[in-house]
Amino acid sequence: MQTAEIVYNGELRTTSTHVRSGSVVETDAPVDNNGKGERFSPTDLVSSALGSCMLTIMGITSRTQGWNIEGTKVSILKIMGTEPRRITGINVEFTFPDGHGLGEKQRTILERAALTCPVAKSIHPDIVQDVKFNW
């Protein structure tokens, strides 16, 4: 079964439909690349996928261990290069709410889980992944 179907809508916009669920994501070219910047750009989605994947893997790990990381947030900063135009870096910053009661060992386990998520391992090694954990 296909993962997604993508339609070009004109005006540098696409609609991606997740085949299994019907969930929809629209993209727009960024302002600095002839678009309106009114939606995620494809490179925004790549960068956001890294943070989402890290949080998901941390969620799996914490659920398996009986820990709670609900409310954890991640901020993403995508860094673009120009020759050729591509992502050159992704800054990922985690902020964990107070009150989770996780010790140093649990934090280390969660950090390692995040850093080994499938998206992190799929991104080309030339793209710098700068990850910070604010406990």
C-alpha atoms as a PDB file:
ATOM      1  CA  MET A   1       0.000   0.000   0.000  1.00  0.00           C
ATOM      2  CA  GLN A   2       1.215   3.490  -0.818  1.00  0.00           C
ATOM      3  CA  THR A   3       2.142   5.841   2.017  1.00  0.00           C
ATOM      4  CA  ALA A   4       0.872   9.081   0.486  1.00  0.00           C
ATOM      5  CA  GLU A   5      -0.637  10.626  -2.606  1.00  0.00           C
ATOM      6  CA  ILE A   6       0.452  14.147  -3.479  1.00  0.00           C
ATOM      7  CA  VAL A   7      -1.295  16.566  -5.821  1.00  0.00           C
ATOM      8  CA  TYR A   8       0.175  19.780  -7.228  1.00  0.00           C
ATOM      9  CA  ASN A   9      -2.466  22.485  -6.761  1.00  0.00           C
ATOM     10  CA  GLY A  10      -0.735  25.262  -8.691  1.00  0.00           C
ATOM     11  CA  GLU A  11       0.726  28.437  -7.187  1.00  0.00           C
ATOM     12  CA  LEU A  12       3.627  26.336  -5.763  1.00  0.00           C
ATOM     13  CA  ARG A  13       1.305  24.432  -3.400  1.00  0.00           C
ATOM     14  CA  THR A  14       0.737  20.721  -2.881  1.00  0.00           C
ATOM     15  CA  THR A  15      -1.698  18.579  -0.930  1.00  0.00           C
ATOM     16  CA  SER A  16      -0.402  15.320   0.543  1.00  0.00           C
ATOM     17  CA  THR A  17      -2.916  12.739   1.689  1.00  0.00           C
ATOM     18  CA  HIS A  18      -1.890   9.922   4.018  1.00  0.00           C
ATOM     19  CA  VAL A  19      -3.471   6.930   2.265  1.00  0.00           C
ATOM     20  CA  ARG A  20      -4.272   4.840   5.351  1.00  0.00           C
ATOM     21  CA  SER A  21      -5.849   7.592   7.469  1.00  0.00           C
ATOM     22  CA  GLY A  22      -6.905  10.246   4.984  1.00  0.00           C
ATOM     23  CA  SER A  23      -5.013  12.883   6.976  1.00  0.00           C
ATOM     24  CA  VAL A  24      -4.007  15.857   4.821  1.00  0.00           C
ATOM     25  CA  VAL A  25      -0.984  18.168   4.839  1.00  0.00           C
ATOM     26  CA  GLU A  26      -0.665  21.148   2.509  1.00  0.00           C
ATOM     27  CA  THR A  27       2.649  22.722   1.546  1.00  0.00           C
ATOM     28  CA  ASP A  28       3.608  26.076   0.102  1.00  0.00           C
ATOM     29  CA  ALA A  29       6.924  27.294  -1.230  1.00  0.00           C
ATOM     30  CA  PRO A  30       8.655  29.666   1.194  1.00  0.00           C
ATOM     31  CA  VAL A  31       8.731  33.403   0.560  1.00  0.00           C
ATOM     32  CA  ASP A  32      12.473  33.295  -0.176  1.00  0.00           C
ATOM     33  CA  ASN A  33      11.809  30.750  -2.927  1.00  0.00           C
ATOM     34  CA  ASN A  34       8.937  32.375  -4.846  1.00  0.00           C
ATOM     35  CA  GLY A  35       6.130  31.155  -2.593  1.00  0.00           C
ATOM     36  CA  LYS A  36       3.690  32.759  -0.205  1.00  0.00           C
ATOM     37  CA  GLY A  37       5.003  30.983   2.907  1.00  0.00           C
ATOM     38  CA  GLU A  38       1.451  30.345   4.112  1.00  0.00           C
ATOM     39  CA  ARG A  39       1.975  26.638   4.863  1.00  0.00           C
ATOM     40  CA  PHE A  40       4.848  24.381   5.840  1.00  0.00           C
ATOM     41  CA  SER A  41       7.381  24.143   3.032  1.00  0.00           C
ATOM     42  CA  PRO A  42       8.692  20.670   2.129  1.00  0.00           C
ATOM     43  CA  THR A  43      11.977  21.454   3.919  1.00  0.00           C
ATOM     44  CA  ASP A  44       9.995  22.656   6.973  1.00  0.00           C
ATOM     45  CA  LEU A  45       8.347  19.234   7.025  1.00  0.00           C
ATOM     46  CA  VAL A  46      11.714  17.462   6.913  1.00  0.00           C
ATOM     47  CA  SER A  47      12.921  19.528   9.859  1.00  0.00           C
ATOM     48  CA  SER A  48       9.659  19.111  11.765  1.00  0.00           C
ATOM     49  CA  ALA A  49       9.709  15.370  11.078  1.00  0.00           C
ATOM     50  CA  LEU A  50      12.987  15.160  12.983  1.00  0.00           C
ATOM     51  CA  GLY A  51      11.460  16.699  16.114  1.00  0.00           C
ATOM     52  CA  SER A  52       8.257  14.666  15.821  1.00  0.00           C
ATOM     53  CA  CYS A  53      10.197  11.445  15.368  1.00  0.00           C
ATOM     54  CA  MET A  54      12.422  12.162  18.360  1.00  0.00           C
ATOM     55  CA  LEU A  55       9.394  12.900  20.559  1.00  0.00           C
ATOM     56  CA  THR A  56       7.605   9.790  19.324  1.00  0.00           C
ATOM     57  CA  ILE A  57      10.551   7.503  20.085  1.00  0.00           C
ATOM     58  CA  MET A  58      10.924   9.143  23.505  1.00  0.00           C
ATOM     59  CA  GLY A  59       7.191   8.575  24.024  1.00  0.00           C
ATOM     60  CA  ILE A  60       7.518   4.877  23.158  1.00  0.00           C
ATOM     61  CA  THR A  61      10.467   4.544  25.529  1.00  0.00           C
ATOM     62  CA  SER A  62       8.741   6.401  28.357  1.00  0.00           C
ATOM     63  CA  ARG A  63       5.500   4.435  27.949  1.00  0.00           C
ATOM     64  CA  THR A  64       7.430   1.147  28.004  1.00  0.00           C
ATOM     65  CA  GLN A  65       9.204   2.231  31.195  1.00  0.00           C
ATOM     66  CA  GLY A  66       6.120   3.701  32.880  1.00  0.00           C
ATOM     67  CA  TRP A  67       7.434   7.271  32.751  1.00  0.00           C
ATOM     68  CA  ASN A  68       5.440  10.369  31.841  1.00  0.00           C
ATOM     69  CA  ILE A  69       6.772  12.997  29.420  1.00  0.00           C
ATOM     70  CA  GLU A  70       3.416  14.528  28.462  1.00  0.00           C
ATOM     71  CA  GLY A  71       3.656  18.221  27.727  1.00  0.00           C
ATOM     72  CA  THR A  72       7.226  17.990  26.458  1.00  0.00           C
ATOM     73  CA  LYS A  73       7.828  20.500  23.668  1.00  0.00           C
ATOM     74  CA  VAL A  74      10.398  20.688  20.933  1.00  0.00           C
ATOM     75  CA  SER A  75      11.404  23.799  18.987  1.00  0.00           C
ATOM     76  CA  ILE A  76      12.882  23.451  15.519  1.00  0.00           C
ATOM     77  CA  LEU A  77      15.096  25.895  13.647  1.00  0.00           C
ATOM     78  CA  LYS A  78      15.831  24.922  10.060  1.00  0.00           C
ATOM     79  CA  ILE A  79      19.012  26.353   8.557  1.00  0.00           C
ATOM     80  CA  MET A  80      19.119  26.651   4.766  1.00  0.00           C
ATOM     81  CA  GLY A  81      22.164  26.840   2.534  1.00  0.00           C
ATOM     82  CA  THR A  82      22.257  28.418  -0.887  1.00  0.00           C
ATOM     83  CA  GLU A  83      24.699  26.563  -3.148  1.00  0.00           C
ATOM     84  CA  PRO A  84      22.900  24.308  -3.705  1.00  0.00           C
ATOM     85  CA  ARG A  85      19.705  25.312  -1.931  1.00  0.00           C
ATOM     86  CA  ARG A  86      19.309  22.679   0.772  1.00  0.00           C
ATOM     87  CA  ILE A  87      18.957  22.141   4.502  1.00  0.00           C
ATOM     88  CA  THR A  88      22.394  22.519   6.100  1.00  0.00           C
ATOM     89  CA  GLY A  89      21.370  22.265   9.737  1.00  0.00           C
ATOM     90  CA  ILE A  90      18.486  21.570  12.082  1.00  0.00           C
ATOM     91  CA  ASN A  91      18.520  22.901  15.624  1.00  0.00           C
ATOM     92  CA  VAL A  92      16.305  20.883  17.945  1.00  0.00           C
ATOM     93  CA  GLU A  93      15.575  22.130  21.462  1.00  0.00           C
ATOM     94  CA  PHE A  94      13.535  20.085  23.943  1.00  0.00           C
ATOM     95  CA  THR A  95      11.775  21.622  26.923  1.00  0.00           C
ATOM     96  CA  PHE A  96      10.443  19.233  29.538  1.00  0.00           C
ATOM     97  CA  PRO A  97       7.771  20.331  32.015  1.00  0.00           C
ATOM     98  CA  ASP A  98       8.639  20.245  35.696  1.00  0.00           C
ATOM     99  CA  GLY A  99       7.346  17.463  37.863  1.00  0.00           C
ATOM    100  CA  HIS A 100       8.222  14.387  35.832  1.00  0.00           C
ATOM    101  CA  GLY A 101      10.612  13.178  38.511  1.00  0.00           C
ATOM    102  CA  LEU A 102      13.021  11.601  36.056  1.00  0.00           C
ATOM    103  CA  GLY A 103      16.511  10.944  37.336  1.00  0.00           C
ATOM    104  CA  GLU A 104      19.778  11.212  35.462  1.00  0.00           C
ATOM    105  CA  LYS A 105      19.631   7.588  34.266  1.00  0.00           C
ATOM    106  CA  GLN A 106      16.100   7.990  32.853  1.00  0.00           C
ATOM    107  CA  ARG A 107      17.053  11.260  31.174  1.00  0.00           C
ATOM    108  CA  THR A 108      20.083   9.643  29.536  1.00  0.00           C
ATOM    109  CA  ILE A 109      17.932   6.777  28.237  1.00  0.00           C
ATOM    110  CA  LEU A 110      15.422   9.231  26.744  1.00  0.00           C
ATOM    111  CA  GLU A 111      18.136  11.396  25.182  1.00  0.00           C
ATOM    112  CA  ARG A 112      19.752   8.373  23.545  1.00  0.00           C
ATOM    113  CA  ALA A 113      16.366   7.213  22.268  1.00  0.00           C
ATOM    114  CA  ALA A 114      15.765  10.620  20.673  1.00  0.00           C
ATOM    115  CA  LEU A 115      19.169  10.724  18.999  1.00  0.00           C
ATOM    116  CA  THR A 116      18.658   7.302  17.419  1.00  0.00           C
ATOM    117  CA  CYS A 117      15.183   7.909  15.974  1.00  0.00           C
ATOM    118  CA  PRO A 118      14.675   6.740  12.367  1.00  0.00           C
ATOM    119  CA  VAL A 119      14.490  10.268  10.937  1.00  0.00           C
ATOM    120  CA  ALA A 120      17.723  11.314  12.680  1.00  0.00           C
ATOM    121  CA  LYS A 121      19.403   8.249  11.190  1.00  0.00           C
ATOM    122  CA  SER A 122      17.910   8.949   7.750  1.00  0.00           C
ATOM    123  CA  ILE A 123      19.070  12.545   7.409  1.00  0.00           C
ATOM    124  CA  HIS A 124      22.291  12.955   5.438  1.00  0.00           C
ATOM    125  CA  PRO A 125      25.351  13.302   7.703  1.00  0.00           C
ATOM    126  CA  ASP A 126      26.228  16.636   6.069  1.00  0.00           C
ATOM    127  CA  ILE A 127      23.130  18.124   7.748  1.00  0.00           C
ATOM    128  CA  VAL A 128      24.154  19.230  11.233  1.00  0.00           C
ATOM    129  CA  GLN A 129      21.717  18.124  13.922  1.00  0.00           C
ATOM    130  CA  ASP A 130      22.233  20.339  16.977  1.00  0.00           C
ATOM    131  CA  VAL A 131      20.092  18.874  19.768  1.00  0.00           C
ATOM    132  CA  LYS A 132      19.611  20.397  23.233  1.00  0.00           C
ATOM    133  CA  PHE A 133      17.682  18.932  26.143  1.00  0.00           C
ATOM    134  CA  ASN A 134      16.343  21.365  28.738  1.00  0.00           C
ATOM    135  CA  TRP A 135      15.274  19.309  31.726  1.00  0.00           C
END
